[in-house]
């Protein structure tokens, strides 16, 4: 029960890491008509979660396993792999800002962990990133990697859907039904990436990259990505 409660707390979509400030590229997708109804929104969310699984999800599992082994060097390598693959400035900012906030929050809530040590050294090297920090936190809390991966996928989807409620004509029940449908794919995604290593990380989503790149140049916007 204690592990489940820790998973619920740190995997909560309203955990204070600033996820509400980002739309995962949805704001620009709506503005350009790429996403315009419930069906296209669900397709977009599924694309986001699939990319989250094959990219950041691999790093999360690497971070979790490294923390379980007490290997700070491997945690650092996972952070570096995430940071180098964020070719868009806003997406890179999102990962680093949320990662730092999670590390700071976990240090205050949990206390002395590998994540605290990683945060302390990050000023002179690769920054702490959100997926790796989440994997490390859950490893320190004794939460299995499958559950950590599930929380990460849930967060990727809920971030976009939370933004959708403010950007589109969808209500909370529409968002929840999409979330329910997309979550059905999480087990398959985990099976696909559980044997992957950092060199296998795939972040190929050119349409989202183009939208994200255009977003950083607009003057009036609601979200930071």
C-alpha atoms as a PDB file:
ATOM      1  CA  UNK A   1       0.000   0.000   0.000  1.00  0.00           C
ATOM      2  CA  UNK A   2       2.820   2.422   0.845  1.00  0.00           C
ATOM      3  CA  UNK A   3       4.396   1.980  -2.603  1.00  0.00           C
ATOM      4  CA  UNK A   4       1.053   2.592  -4.295  1.00  0.00           C
ATOM      5  CA  UNK A   5       0.540   5.807  -2.345  1.00  0.00           C
ATOM      6  CA  UNK A   6       4.017   7.029  -3.296  1.00  0.00           C
ATOM      7  CA  UNK A   7       3.261   6.262  -6.927  1.00  0.00           C
ATOM      8  CA  UNK A   8       0.010   8.206  -6.718  1.00  0.00           C
ATOM      9  CA  UNK A   9       1.678  11.194  -5.060  1.00  0.00           C
ATOM     10  CA  UNK A  10       4.705  11.613  -7.321  1.00  0.00           C
ATOM     11  CA  UNK A  11       2.872  10.501 -10.456  1.00  0.00           C
ATOM     12  CA  UNK A  12      -0.016  12.899  -9.883  1.00  0.00           C
ATOM     13  CA  UNK A  13      -0.590  15.248 -12.831  1.00  0.00           C
ATOM     14  CA  UNK A  14      -0.852  18.172 -10.392  1.00  0.00           C
ATOM     15  CA  UNK A  15       2.416  17.406  -8.589  1.00  0.00           C
ATOM     16  CA  UNK A  16       4.183  20.809  -8.502  1.00  0.00           C
ATOM     17  CA  UNK A  17       6.738  20.471 -11.306  1.00  0.00           C
ATOM     18  CA  UNK A  18       5.122  23.022 -13.635  1.00  0.00           C
ATOM     19  CA  UNK A  19       3.563  20.634 -16.161  1.00  0.00           C
ATOM     20  CA  UNK A  20       0.551  22.963 -16.464  1.00  0.00           C
ATOM     21  CA  UNK A  21       2.793  25.515 -18.218  1.00  0.00           C
ATOM     22  CA  UNK A  22       3.356  23.246 -21.217  1.00  0.00           C
ATOM     23  CA  UNK A  23       1.090  21.818 -23.908  1.00  0.00           C
ATOM     24  CA  UNK A  24       3.461  19.319 -25.522  1.00  0.00           C
ATOM     25  CA  UNK A  25       3.156  21.159 -28.849  1.00  0.00           C
ATOM     26  CA  UNK A  26      -0.644  21.085 -28.828  1.00  0.00           C
ATOM     27  CA  UNK A  27      -1.097  24.856 -28.825  1.00  0.00           C
ATOM     28  CA  UNK A  28       0.532  25.192 -32.236  1.00  0.00           C
ATOM     29  CA  UNK A  29      -1.180  22.037 -33.532  1.00  0.00           C
ATOM     30  CA  UNK A  30      -4.558  23.581 -32.694  1.00  0.00           C
ATOM     31  CA  UNK A  31      -3.617  26.951 -34.179  1.00  0.00           C
ATOM     32  CA  UNK A  32      -2.623  25.318 -37.478  1.00  0.00           C
ATOM     33  CA  UNK A  33      -5.677  23.058 -37.593  1.00  0.00           C
ATOM     34  CA  UNK A  34      -3.692  19.837 -37.235  1.00  0.00           C
ATOM     35  CA  UNK A  35      -5.781  19.067 -34.156  1.00  0.00           C
ATOM     36  CA  UNK A  36      -9.369  20.264 -34.441  1.00  0.00           C
ATOM     37  CA  UNK A  37     -11.706  17.700 -32.907  1.00  0.00           C
ATOM     38  CA  UNK A  38     -11.822  14.783 -30.498  1.00  0.00           C
ATOM     39  CA  UNK A  39     -10.559  12.234 -33.030  1.00  0.00           C
ATOM     40  CA  UNK A  40      -7.524  14.263 -34.088  1.00  0.00           C
ATOM     41  CA  UNK A  41      -6.818  15.100 -30.447  1.00  0.00           C
ATOM     42  CA  UNK A  42      -6.738  11.416 -29.545  1.00  0.00           C
ATOM     43  CA  UNK A  43      -4.406  10.703 -32.461  1.00  0.00           C
ATOM     44  CA  UNK A  44      -2.129  13.530 -31.322  1.00  0.00           C
ATOM     45  CA  UNK A  45      -2.036  12.344 -27.714  1.00  0.00           C
ATOM     46  CA  UNK A  46      -1.238   8.821 -28.843  1.00  0.00           C
ATOM     47  CA  UNK A  47       1.632  10.129 -30.964  1.00  0.00           C
ATOM     48  CA  UNK A  48       2.958  12.042 -27.959  1.00  0.00           C
ATOM     49  CA  UNK A  49       2.807   9.009 -25.685  1.00  0.00           C
ATOM     50  CA  UNK A  50       4.447   6.749 -28.257  1.00  0.00           C
ATOM     51  CA  UNK A  51       7.325   9.206 -28.656  1.00  0.00           C
ATOM     52  CA  UNK A  52       7.478   9.518 -24.870  1.00  0.00           C
ATOM     53  CA  UNK A  53       7.839   5.747 -24.605  1.00  0.00           C
ATOM     54  CA  UNK A  54      10.537   5.243 -27.233  1.00  0.00           C
ATOM     55  CA  UNK A  55      12.521   8.320 -26.172  1.00  0.00           C
ATOM     56  CA  UNK A  56      12.182   9.569 -22.617  1.00  0.00           C
ATOM     57  CA  UNK A  57      10.693   6.283 -21.444  1.00  0.00           C
ATOM     58  CA  UNK A  58      13.903   4.446 -22.270  1.00  0.00           C
ATOM     59  CA  UNK A  59      15.870   7.012 -20.259  1.00  0.00           C
ATOM     60  CA  UNK A  60      13.436   6.680 -17.361  1.00  0.00           C
ATOM     61  CA  UNK A  61      14.041   2.940 -17.221  1.00  0.00           C
ATOM     62  CA  UNK A  62      17.805   3.516 -17.433  1.00  0.00           C
ATOM     63  CA  UNK A  63      17.603   6.031 -14.588  1.00  0.00           C
ATOM     64  CA  UNK A  64      15.492   3.683 -12.481  1.00  0.00           C
ATOM     65  CA  UNK A  65      17.876   0.781 -12.974  1.00  0.00           C
ATOM     66  CA  UNK A  66      20.925   2.957 -12.344  1.00  0.00           C
ATOM     67  CA  UNK A  67      19.425   4.283  -9.106  1.00  0.00           C
ATOM     68  CA  UNK A  68      18.591   0.749  -8.002  1.00  0.00           C
ATOM     69  CA  UNK A  69      22.264  -0.128  -8.551  1.00  0.00           C
ATOM     70  CA  UNK A  70      23.442   3.072  -6.863  1.00  0.00           C
ATOM     71  CA  UNK A  71      25.261   4.148 -10.038  1.00  0.00           C
ATOM     72  CA  UNK A  72      25.396   7.950 -10.302  1.00  0.00           C
ATOM     73  CA  UNK A  73      27.453   7.817 -13.513  1.00  0.00           C
ATOM     74  CA  UNK A  74      24.726   5.891 -15.336  1.00  0.00           C
ATOM     75  CA  UNK A  75      22.103   8.350 -14.101  1.00  0.00           C
ATOM     76  CA  UNK A  76      24.208  11.178 -15.489  1.00  0.00           C
ATOM     77  CA  UNK A  77      24.536   9.367 -18.832  1.00  0.00           C
ATOM     78  CA  UNK A  78      20.760   8.967 -19.043  1.00  0.00           C
ATOM     79  CA  UNK A  79      20.258  12.686 -18.392  1.00  0.00           C
ATOM     80  CA  UNK A  80      22.774  13.533 -21.078  1.00  0.00           C
ATOM     81  CA  UNK A  81      21.035  11.221 -23.575  1.00  0.00           C
ATOM     82  CA  UNK A  82      17.707  12.960 -22.977  1.00  0.00           C
ATOM     83  CA  UNK A  83      19.165  16.453 -23.182  1.00  0.00           C
ATOM     84  CA  UNK A  84      21.033  15.802 -26.429  1.00  0.00           C
ATOM     85  CA  UNK A  85      17.925  14.425 -28.119  1.00  0.00           C
ATOM     86  CA  UNK A  86      15.748  17.469 -27.380  1.00  0.00           C
ATOM     87  CA  UNK A  87      16.397  19.299 -30.641  1.00  0.00           C
ATOM     88  CA  UNK A  88      13.697  21.880 -29.951  1.00  0.00           C
ATOM     89  CA  UNK A  89      14.531  24.590 -27.423  1.00  0.00           C
ATOM     90  CA  UNK A  90      11.091  24.626 -25.778  1.00  0.00           C
ATOM     91  CA  UNK A  91      10.967  20.857 -25.355  1.00  0.00           C
ATOM     92  CA  UNK A  92      14.469  20.934 -23.904  1.00  0.00           C
ATOM     93  CA  UNK A  93      13.422  23.685 -21.502  1.00  0.00           C
ATOM     94  CA  UNK A  94      10.350  21.673 -20.496  1.00  0.00           C
ATOM     95  CA  UNK A  95      12.409  18.572 -19.679  1.00  0.00           C
ATOM     96  CA  UNK A  96      15.083  20.455 -17.728  1.00  0.00           C
ATOM     97  CA  UNK A  97      12.730  22.754 -15.812  1.00  0.00           C
ATOM     98  CA  UNK A  98      10.420  19.934 -14.757  1.00  0.00           C
ATOM     99  CA  UNK A  99      13.395  17.732 -13.914  1.00  0.00           C
ATOM    100  CA  UNK A 100      14.934  20.351 -11.654  1.00  0.00           C
ATOM    101  CA  UNK A 101      11.636  21.045  -9.919  1.00  0.00           C
ATOM    102  CA  UNK A 102      11.041  17.346  -9.342  1.00  0.00           C
ATOM    103  CA  UNK A 103      14.538  16.918  -7.927  1.00  0.00           C
ATOM    104  CA  UNK A 104      14.097  19.898  -5.603  1.00  0.00           C
ATOM    105  CA  UNK A 105      10.660  18.728  -4.474  1.00  0.00           C
ATOM    106  CA  UNK A 106      11.824  15.151  -3.895  1.00  0.00           C
ATOM    107  CA  UNK A 107      14.806  16.365  -1.885  1.00  0.00           C
ATOM    108  CA  UNK A 108      12.523  18.377   0.369  1.00  0.00           C
ATOM    109  CA  UNK A 109       9.937  15.608   0.723  1.00  0.00           C
ATOM    110  CA  UNK A 110      12.080  12.472   0.813  1.00  0.00           C
ATOM    111  CA  UNK A 111      15.475  13.763   1.951  1.00  0.00           C
ATOM    112  CA  UNK A 112      18.917  12.434   1.039  1.00  0.00           C
ATOM    113  CA  UNK A 113      18.757  10.493  -2.248  1.00  0.00           C
ATOM    114  CA  UNK A 114      20.848   9.901  -5.347  1.00  0.00           C
ATOM    115  CA  UNK A 115      18.720  12.519  -7.037  1.00  0.00           C
ATOM    116  CA  UNK A 116      19.895  15.120  -4.526  1.00  0.00           C
ATOM    117  CA  UNK A 117      23.513  14.266  -5.348  1.00  0.00           C
ATOM    118  CA  UNK A 118      22.736  14.418  -9.058  1.00  0.00           C
ATOM    119  CA  UNK A 119      21.096  17.811  -8.661  1.00  0.00           C
ATOM    120  CA  UNK A 120      24.096  19.104  -6.739  1.00  0.00           C
ATOM    121  CA  UNK A 121      26.539  18.262  -9.511  1.00  0.00           C
ATOM    122  CA  UNK A 122      24.324  19.238 -12.464  1.00  0.00           C
ATOM    123  CA  UNK A 123      25.469  22.870 -12.484  1.00  0.00           C
ATOM    124  CA  UNK A 124      28.782  21.805 -13.999  1.00  0.00           C
ATOM    125  CA  UNK A 125      27.526  19.157 -16.424  1.00  0.00           C
ATOM    126  CA  UNK A 126      24.455  17.638 -18.001  1.00  0.00           C
ATOM    127  CA  UNK A 127      21.281  19.028 -16.393  1.00  0.00           C
ATOM    128  CA  UNK A 128      18.778  16.904 -14.524  1.00  0.00           C
ATOM    129  CA  UNK A 129      15.940  15.917 -16.880  1.00  0.00           C
ATOM    130  CA  UNK A 130      12.380  15.023 -15.943  1.00  0.00           C
ATOM    131  CA  UNK A 131      12.115  11.404 -17.151  1.00  0.00           C
ATOM    132  CA  UNK A 132      15.394  10.376 -15.545  1.00  0.00           C
ATOM    133  CA  UNK A 133      14.561  12.206 -12.313  1.00  0.00           C
ATOM    134  CA  UNK A 134      11.197  10.455 -12.199  1.00  0.00           C
ATOM    135  CA  UNK A 135      12.852   7.066 -12.658  1.00  0.00           C
ATOM    136  CA  UNK A 136      15.372   7.807  -9.914  1.00  0.00           C
ATOM    137  CA  UNK A 137      12.698   9.047  -7.487  1.00  0.00           C
ATOM    138  CA  UNK A 138      10.568   5.965  -7.955  1.00  0.00           C
ATOM    139  CA  UNK A 139      13.562   3.651  -7.578  1.00  0.00           C
ATOM    140  CA  UNK A 140      14.470   5.378  -4.317  1.00  0.00           C
ATOM    141  CA  UNK A 141      10.873   4.959  -3.146  1.00  0.00           C
ATOM    142  CA  UNK A 142      10.809   1.255  -4.000  1.00  0.00           C
ATOM    143  CA  UNK A 143       8.289   1.629  -6.832  1.00  0.00           C
ATOM    144  CA  UNK A 144       8.816  -1.005  -9.588  1.00  0.00           C
ATOM    145  CA  UNK A 145      10.046   0.201 -12.979  1.00  0.00           C
ATOM    146  CA  UNK A 146       6.850  -0.883 -14.740  1.00  0.00           C
ATOM    147  CA  UNK A 147       4.817   1.399 -12.480  1.00  0.00           C
ATOM    148  CA  UNK A 148       7.331   4.225 -12.921  1.00  0.00           C
ATOM    149  CA  UNK A 149       7.014   3.870 -16.691  1.00  0.00           C
ATOM    150  CA  UNK A 150       3.221   3.882 -16.437  1.00  0.00           C
ATOM    151  CA  UNK A 151       3.283   7.083 -14.374  1.00  0.00           C
ATOM    152  CA  UNK A 152       5.508   8.726 -16.963  1.00  0.00           C
ATOM    153  CA  UNK A 153       3.188   7.771 -19.820  1.00  0.00           C
ATOM    154  CA  UNK A 154       0.160   8.943 -17.861  1.00  0.00           C
ATOM    155  CA  UNK A 155       1.856  12.275 -17.263  1.00  0.00           C
ATOM    156  CA  UNK A 156       2.730  12.758 -20.937  1.00  0.00           C
ATOM    157  CA  UNK A 157      -0.893  12.209 -21.933  1.00  0.00           C
ATOM    158  CA  UNK A 158      -2.469  14.229 -19.128  1.00  0.00           C
ATOM    159  CA  UNK A 159      -0.231  17.242 -19.826  1.00  0.00           C
ATOM    160  CA  UNK A 160      -1.537  17.465 -23.390  1.00  0.00           C
ATOM    161  CA  UNK A 161      -5.141  16.788 -22.387  1.00  0.00           C
ATOM    162  CA  UNK A 162      -5.059  19.398 -19.640  1.00  0.00           C
ATOM    163  CA  UNK A 163      -3.951  21.927 -22.243  1.00  0.00           C
ATOM    164  CA  UNK A 164      -6.623  20.712 -24.665  1.00  0.00           C
ATOM    165  CA  UNK A 165      -9.401  21.657 -22.257  1.00  0.00           C
ATOM    166  CA  UNK A 166      -8.148  25.251 -22.392  1.00  0.00           C
ATOM    167  CA  UNK A 167      -7.452  25.305 -26.137  1.00  0.00           C
ATOM    168  CA  UNK A 168     -10.314  23.362 -27.716  1.00  0.00           C
ATOM    169  CA  UNK A 169     -13.987  22.563 -27.501  1.00  0.00           C
ATOM    170  CA  UNK A 170     -13.528  19.444 -25.409  1.00  0.00           C
ATOM    171  CA  UNK A 171     -14.692  18.955 -21.861  1.00  0.00           C
ATOM    172  CA  UNK A 172     -13.253  17.021 -18.944  1.00  0.00           C
ATOM    173  CA  UNK A 173     -15.158  13.845 -19.800  1.00  0.00           C
ATOM    174  CA  UNK A 174     -13.879  13.940 -23.384  1.00  0.00           C
ATOM    175  CA  UNK A 175     -10.370  14.278 -22.017  1.00  0.00           C
ATOM    176  CA  UNK A 176     -10.848  11.409 -19.578  1.00  0.00           C
ATOM    177  CA  UNK A 177     -12.218   9.092 -22.250  1.00  0.00           C
ATOM    178  CA  UNK A 178      -9.212   9.850 -24.475  1.00  0.00           C
ATOM    179  CA  UNK A 179      -6.876   9.294 -21.531  1.00  0.00           C
ATOM    180  CA  UNK A 180      -8.528   5.953 -20.818  1.00  0.00           C
ATOM    181  CA  UNK A 181      -8.128   4.832 -24.434  1.00  0.00           C
ATOM    182  CA  UNK A 182      -4.512   5.966 -24.711  1.00  0.00           C
ATOM    183  CA  UNK A 183      -3.570   4.365 -21.388  1.00  0.00           C
ATOM    184  CA  UNK A 184      -4.563   0.998 -22.848  1.00  0.00           C
ATOM    185  CA  UNK A 185      -1.392   1.170 -24.958  1.00  0.00           C
ATOM    186  CA  UNK A 186       1.017   1.680 -22.042  1.00  0.00           C
ATOM    187  CA  UNK A 187       1.638  -2.028 -21.455  1.00  0.00           C
ATOM    188  CA  UNK A 188       2.477  -2.606 -25.118  1.00  0.00           C
ATOM    189  CA  UNK A 189       4.812   0.385 -25.088  1.00  0.00           C
ATOM    190  CA  UNK A 190       6.630  -0.926 -22.028  1.00  0.00           C
ATOM    191  CA  UNK A 191       7.084  -4.337 -23.625  1.00  0.00           C
ATOM    192  CA  UNK A 192       8.523  -2.677 -26.726  1.00  0.00           C
ATOM    193  CA  UNK A 193      11.150  -0.612 -24.890  1.00  0.00           C
ATOM    194  CA  UNK A 194      12.022  -2.568 -21.741  1.00  0.00           C
ATOM    195  CA  UNK A 195      15.064  -4.183 -23.379  1.00  0.00           C
ATOM    196  CA  UNK A 196      16.241  -0.996 -25.118  1.00  0.00           C
ATOM    197  CA  UNK A 197      19.290   0.934 -23.986  1.00  0.00           C
ATOM    198  CA  UNK A 198      20.183   4.609 -24.332  1.00  0.00           C
ATOM    199  CA  UNK A 199      21.556   4.129 -27.845  1.00  0.00           C
ATOM    200  CA  UNK A 200      18.136   2.805 -28.899  1.00  0.00           C
ATOM    201  CA  UNK A 201      16.243   5.959 -27.892  1.00  0.00           C
ATOM    202  CA  UNK A 202      14.021   7.164 -30.757  1.00  0.00           C
ATOM    203  CA  UNK A 203      12.466  10.610 -30.857  1.00  0.00           C
ATOM    204  CA  UNK A 204      11.474  10.811 -34.524  1.00  0.00           C
ATOM    205  CA  UNK A 205       8.344  12.964 -34.742  1.00  0.00           C
ATOM    206  CA  UNK A 206       9.053  15.587 -37.431  1.00  0.00           C
ATOM    207  CA  UNK A 207       5.536  17.036 -37.528  1.00  0.00           C
ATOM    208  CA  UNK A 208       5.619  17.727 -33.793  1.00  0.00           C
ATOM    209  CA  UNK A 209       9.160  19.085 -34.041  1.00  0.00           C
ATOM    210  CA  UNK A 210       8.090  21.523 -36.770  1.00  0.00           C
ATOM    211  CA  UNK A 211       5.092  22.713 -34.766  1.00  0.00           C
ATOM    212  CA  UNK A 212       7.205  23.078 -31.641  1.00  0.00           C
ATOM    213  CA  UNK A 213       9.835  25.013 -33.558  1.00  0.00           C
ATOM    214  CA  UNK A 214       7.229  27.428 -34.907  1.00  0.00           C
ATOM    215  CA  UNK A 215       5.703  27.881 -31.460  1.00  0.00           C
ATOM    216  CA  UNK A 216       8.801  29.455 -29.954  1.00  0.00           C
ATOM    217  CA  UNK A 217       8.582  32.351 -32.423  1.00  0.00           C
ATOM    218  CA  UNK A 218       4.981  33.419 -31.819  1.00  0.00           C
ATOM    219  CA  UNK A 219       4.398  36.465 -29.614  1.00  0.00           C
ATOM    220  CA  UNK A 220       1.002  35.624 -28.061  1.00  0.00           C
ATOM    221  CA  UNK A 221       0.624  32.230 -26.468  1.00  0.00           C
ATOM    222  CA  UNK A 222      -0.824  30.462 -23.430  1.00  0.00           C
ATOM    223  CA  UNK A 223       1.842  27.787 -22.988  1.00  0.00           C
ATOM    224  CA  UNK A 224       5.625  27.502 -22.991  1.00  0.00           C
ATOM    225  CA  UNK A 225       5.589  24.650 -25.538  1.00  0.00           C
END
